[in-house]
Amino acid sequence: MKNAKRILAAAGIILLVGMYAATIVFACIDSPHTYNSLKISIGLTILIPVLLWIYTAMYHYIKQRRDANQNVSNGKNE
């Protein structure tokens, strides 16, 4: 699972860097469709880190519950 977390973190970083670059490019280009693209880019720049944080929080929560359930089913009390 550690490798999966690293891969997802790397993918998140790549997505964020791409969105930052896209935001800068869309802000500099003067085109009729640029405004909508800029809004989407800024929205995703906010949404991607939030989703990554939610994924991480859920992973830790589920792991703690699974570990607690395994300790109870094995007869170990914490």
Protein backbone atom coordinates (compact mmCIF):
# COMPACT_ATOMS: atom_id res chain seq x y z
CA MET A 1 0.00 0.00 0.00
CA LYS A 2 2.97 2.28 0.57
CA ASN A 3 3.80 2.19 -3.15
CA ALA A 4 0.21 3.02 -4.05
CA LYS A 5 0.33 6.08 -1.78
CA ARG A 6 3.57 7.20 -3.42
CA ILE A 7 2.13 6.74 -6.90
CA LEU A 8 -1.02 8.68 -6.00
CA ALA A 9 1.05 11.44 -4.40
CA ALA A 10 3.21 11.71 -7.51
CA ALA A 11 0.11 11.77 -9.72
CA GLY A 12 -1.38 14.50 -7.55
CA ILE A 13 1.78 16.58 -7.79
CA ILE A 14 1.86 16.18 -11.58
CA LEU A 15 -1.80 17.16 -11.84
CA LEU A 16 -1.27 20.22 -9.63
CA VAL A 17 1.77 21.41 -11.56
CA GLY A 18 -0.15 20.93 -14.80
CA MET A 19 -3.12 22.86 -13.45
CA TYR A 20 -0.89 25.71 -12.25
CA ALA A 21 0.75 25.89 -15.66
CA ALA A 22 -2.65 25.76 -17.39
CA THR A 23 -3.95 28.53 -15.14
CA ILE A 24 -1.03 30.78 -16.07
CA VAL A 25 -1.39 30.01 -19.78
CA PHE A 26 -5.16 30.57 -19.75
CA ALA A 27 -4.71 33.86 -17.88
CA CYS A 28 -2.32 35.13 -20.57
CA ILE A 29 -4.25 34.00 -23.67
CA ASP A 30 -6.99 36.18 -25.10
CA SER A 31 -9.61 33.90 -26.58
CA PRO A 32 -13.40 33.53 -26.20
CA HIS A 33 -13.04 30.12 -24.52
CA THR A 34 -10.20 31.12 -22.23
CA TYR A 35 -12.38 32.49 -19.44
CA ASN A 36 -14.23 29.20 -18.98
CA SER A 37 -10.97 27.26 -19.16
CA LEU A 38 -9.45 29.57 -16.56
CA LYS A 39 -12.40 29.04 -14.21
CA ILE A 40 -12.16 25.26 -14.60
CA SER A 41 -8.41 25.34 -14.07
CA ILE A 42 -8.70 27.40 -10.89
CA GLY A 43 -11.49 25.16 -9.60
CA LEU A 44 -9.47 22.01 -10.19
CA THR A 45 -6.44 23.61 -8.57
CA ILE A 46 -8.54 23.85 -5.41
CA LEU A 47 -10.42 20.56 -5.83
CA ILE A 48 -7.46 18.22 -6.43
CA PRO A 49 -5.67 18.90 -3.11
CA VAL A 50 -8.98 18.64 -1.25
CA LEU A 51 -9.70 15.26 -2.84
CA LEU A 52 -6.18 14.06 -2.05
CA TRP A 53 -6.62 15.15 1.56
CA ILE A 54 -9.97 13.33 1.78
CA TYR A 55 -8.39 10.19 0.32
CA THR A 56 -5.58 10.30 2.85
CA ALA A 57 -7.94 10.91 5.78
CA MET A 58 -10.21 8.05 4.69
CA TYR A 59 -7.23 5.72 4.28
CA HIS A 60 -6.04 6.42 7.82
CA TYR A 61 -9.56 6.06 9.23
CA ILE A 62 -10.22 2.75 7.47
CA LYS A 63 -6.80 1.40 8.44
CA GLN A 64 -7.35 2.26 12.11
CA ARG A 65 -10.77 0.60 12.11
CA ARG A 66 -9.42 -2.50 10.37
CA ASP A 67 -6.55 -2.77 12.86
CA ALA A 68 -8.93 -2.29 15.79
CA ASN A 69 -11.28 -4.97 14.44
CA GLN A 70 -8.41 -7.39 13.93
CA ASN A 71 -7.22 -6.85 17.52
CA VAL A 72 -10.72 -7.48 18.88
CA SER A 73 -11.25 -10.59 16.75
CA ASN A 74 -7.87 -11.99 17.87
CA GLY A 75 -8.77 -11.46 21.52
CA LYS A 76 -6.36 -8.61 22.08
CA ASN A 77 -7.59 -5.56 23.89
CA GLU A 78 -5.86 -2.24 23.61
